[in-house]
C-alpha cells in the first residue's frame, strides 16, 4: 500500500479544507494552495529531516509534527510544520541540498536513494520560503 504525501502551503482553514476534499476524492481548488506531491513520506520521516537540519539527535518530544487525523473512515493525517522547521528549511543554502538529502536517505525509516530525495528537499525549501513570505503555514497531508 502506497502512502500519498502532499506538502501544502496554505492557511489553517484552507489546509483542513484541502485534506477533506482530497480524502473524499475531489479535486481541491488549486489556486488556494501550492502543493508538491510525493509518495511514501509521513510525519515520522519529516521529523527525522528536522533533526538532521538542526544537527540534533532525533527526539519525539522535540521533533514531532503536530497533526490531526482525518475522518474516522479515512486513514489520513494533516500535520503542520512547526515554525523552527519551516525556518530551517527556508534557510537551507543551495549548496547544502545534496548533503541534506544524502543524510536523510540514511535515516532508518527511509528506503530512498539520495538522488530521489533531492527533489523533495528542494521542494520543501521552496515551499517553506513561500509559506514564510506569504504568512501561511506548511503542511503535510498523508494518506494510505
Protein backbone atom coordinates (compact mmCIF):
# COMPACT_ATOMS: atom_id res chain seq x y z
CA UNK A 1 0.00 0.00 0.00
CA UNK A 2 1.46 3.33 -1.05
CA UNK A 3 1.38 6.41 1.14
CA UNK A 4 0.34 9.61 -0.62
CA UNK A 5 2.28 12.61 0.65
CA UNK A 6 1.21 16.14 -0.27
CA UNK A 7 3.21 19.09 1.04
CA UNK A 8 0.94 22.14 1.10
CA UNK A 9 1.37 25.87 1.64
CA UNK A 10 -1.93 27.18 2.99
CA UNK A 11 -3.77 28.89 5.81
CA UNK A 12 -5.01 26.60 8.59
CA UNK A 13 -8.58 26.61 7.31
CA UNK A 14 -7.52 26.05 3.70
CA UNK A 15 -5.27 23.15 4.76
CA UNK A 16 -8.19 21.47 6.54
CA UNK A 17 -10.40 22.01 3.50
CA UNK A 18 -7.69 20.55 1.26
CA UNK A 19 -7.47 17.46 3.47
CA UNK A 20 -11.24 16.96 3.41
CA UNK A 21 -11.53 17.43 -0.36
CA UNK A 22 -8.55 15.24 -1.16
CA UNK A 23 -9.64 12.46 1.21
CA UNK A 24 -13.08 12.45 -0.41
CA UNK A 25 -11.56 12.08 -3.88
CA UNK A 26 -12.48 15.57 -5.01
CA UNK A 27 -10.03 17.93 -6.65
CA UNK A 28 -9.04 20.80 -4.38
CA UNK A 29 -9.16 24.34 -5.79
CA UNK A 30 -5.55 24.68 -6.91
CA UNK A 31 -5.44 28.47 -6.78
CA UNK A 32 -5.78 28.39 -2.97
CA UNK A 33 -2.79 26.10 -2.39
CA UNK A 34 0.70 25.35 -3.51
CA UNK A 35 1.26 21.61 -3.45
CA UNK A 36 4.19 19.27 -4.04
CA UNK A 37 3.09 15.62 -4.22
CA UNK A 38 5.22 12.59 -3.45
CA UNK A 39 4.67 9.06 -2.18
CA UNK A 40 6.00 7.27 0.87
CA UNK A 41 6.64 10.13 3.29
CA UNK A 42 4.94 10.59 6.65
CA UNK A 43 5.35 12.92 9.59
CA UNK A 44 7.93 10.48 11.02
CA UNK A 45 10.26 10.90 8.04
CA UNK A 46 9.78 14.67 8.13
CA UNK A 47 10.60 14.73 11.83
CA UNK A 48 13.85 12.90 11.02
CA UNK A 49 14.66 15.55 8.44
CA UNK A 50 14.05 18.22 11.09
CA UNK A 51 16.61 16.59 13.41
CA UNK A 52 19.12 16.48 10.55
CA UNK A 53 18.56 20.15 9.70
CA UNK A 54 19.16 21.22 13.29
CA UNK A 55 22.06 18.77 13.79
CA UNK A 56 20.30 17.16 16.75
CA UNK A 57 19.65 13.59 17.74
CA UNK A 58 16.07 12.71 16.82
CA UNK A 59 13.71 13.06 19.80
CA UNK A 60 9.95 12.53 19.52
CA UNK A 61 9.35 15.14 22.23
CA UNK A 62 11.27 17.74 20.22
CA UNK A 63 10.72 16.81 16.58
CA UNK A 64 7.13 15.56 16.46
CA UNK A 65 4.92 17.42 13.99
CA UNK A 66 1.56 18.42 15.43
CA UNK A 67 -1.18 16.74 13.47
CA UNK A 68 -4.82 15.95 13.30
CA UNK A 69 -6.24 12.73 11.91
CA UNK A 70 -8.72 12.72 9.06
CA UNK A 71 -12.26 11.47 9.36
CA UNK A 72 -12.75 8.13 11.16
CA UNK A 73 -13.26 6.38 7.83
CA UNK A 74 -10.09 7.83 6.35
CA UNK A 75 -6.54 6.76 7.06
CA UNK A 76 -5.09 10.21 6.64
CA UNK A 77 -3.23 12.81 8.68
CA UNK A 78 -2.73 16.55 8.32
CA UNK A 79 0.48 17.67 10.05
CA UNK A 80 1.68 21.24 10.40
CA UNK A 81 5.38 22.02 10.14
CA UNK A 82 6.39 23.96 13.30
CA UNK A 83 7.97 27.38 12.76
CA UNK A 84 11.51 26.20 13.68
CA UNK A 85 11.31 23.52 10.98
CA UNK A 86 9.96 25.97 8.39
CA UNK A 87 12.73 28.42 9.27
CA UNK A 88 15.42 25.72 8.99
CA UNK A 89 14.12 24.61 5.59
CA UNK A 90 13.82 28.16 4.26
CA UNK A 91 17.38 28.94 5.41
CA UNK A 92 18.93 26.00 3.54
CA UNK A 93 21.61 27.04 1.11
CA UNK A 94 21.52 25.62 -2.41
CA UNK A 95 24.93 24.06 -1.84
CA UNK A 96 23.66 22.08 1.18
CA UNK A 97 20.68 20.41 -0.51
CA UNK A 98 22.52 17.32 -1.80
CA UNK A 99 24.23 16.74 1.54
CA UNK A 100 20.93 17.04 3.45
CA UNK A 101 19.24 14.62 1.02
CA UNK A 102 22.11 12.13 1.49
CA UNK A 103 21.90 12.35 5.29
CA UNK A 104 18.12 11.97 5.19
CA UNK A 105 18.40 8.91 2.94
CA UNK A 106 20.50 7.24 5.65
CA UNK A 107 17.63 7.50 8.18
CA UNK A 108 16.44 4.13 9.45
CA UNK A 109 12.87 4.83 8.41
CA UNK A 110 13.69 5.67 4.80
CA UNK A 111 14.46 3.32 1.96
CA UNK A 112 15.26 6.00 -0.62
CA UNK A 113 18.28 6.90 -2.66
CA UNK A 114 19.73 10.39 -2.02
CA UNK A 115 19.06 11.35 -5.65
CA UNK A 116 15.37 10.58 -5.16
CA UNK A 117 15.19 12.75 -2.02
CA UNK A 118 16.93 15.75 -3.57
CA UNK A 119 13.75 16.99 -5.34
CA UNK A 120 11.82 16.57 -2.07
CA UNK A 121 14.33 18.63 -0.10
CA UNK A 122 14.41 21.22 -2.88
CA UNK A 123 10.60 21.48 -2.90
CA UNK A 124 10.42 21.70 0.88
CA UNK A 125 12.95 24.54 0.87
CA UNK A 126 10.91 26.38 -1.79
CA UNK A 127 7.59 25.77 -0.02
CA UNK A 128 8.98 26.86 3.35
CA UNK A 129 10.24 30.12 1.87
CA UNK A 130 6.86 30.67 0.21
CA UNK A 131 4.97 29.96 3.45
CA UNK A 132 7.14 32.44 5.34
CA UNK A 133 6.82 35.07 2.62
CA UNK A 134 3.03 34.76 2.43
CA UNK A 135 2.40 34.45 6.17
CA UNK A 136 0.96 30.95 5.71
CA UNK A 137 1.89 27.53 7.04
CA UNK A 138 3.48 24.43 5.58
CA UNK A 139 1.61 21.14 6.00
CA UNK A 140 1.97 17.50 5.15
CA UNK A 141 -1.21 15.66 4.21
CA UNK A 142 -0.59 11.91 4.09
CA UNK A 143 -2.93 9.05 3.37
CA UNK A 144 -2.75 5.33 2.64
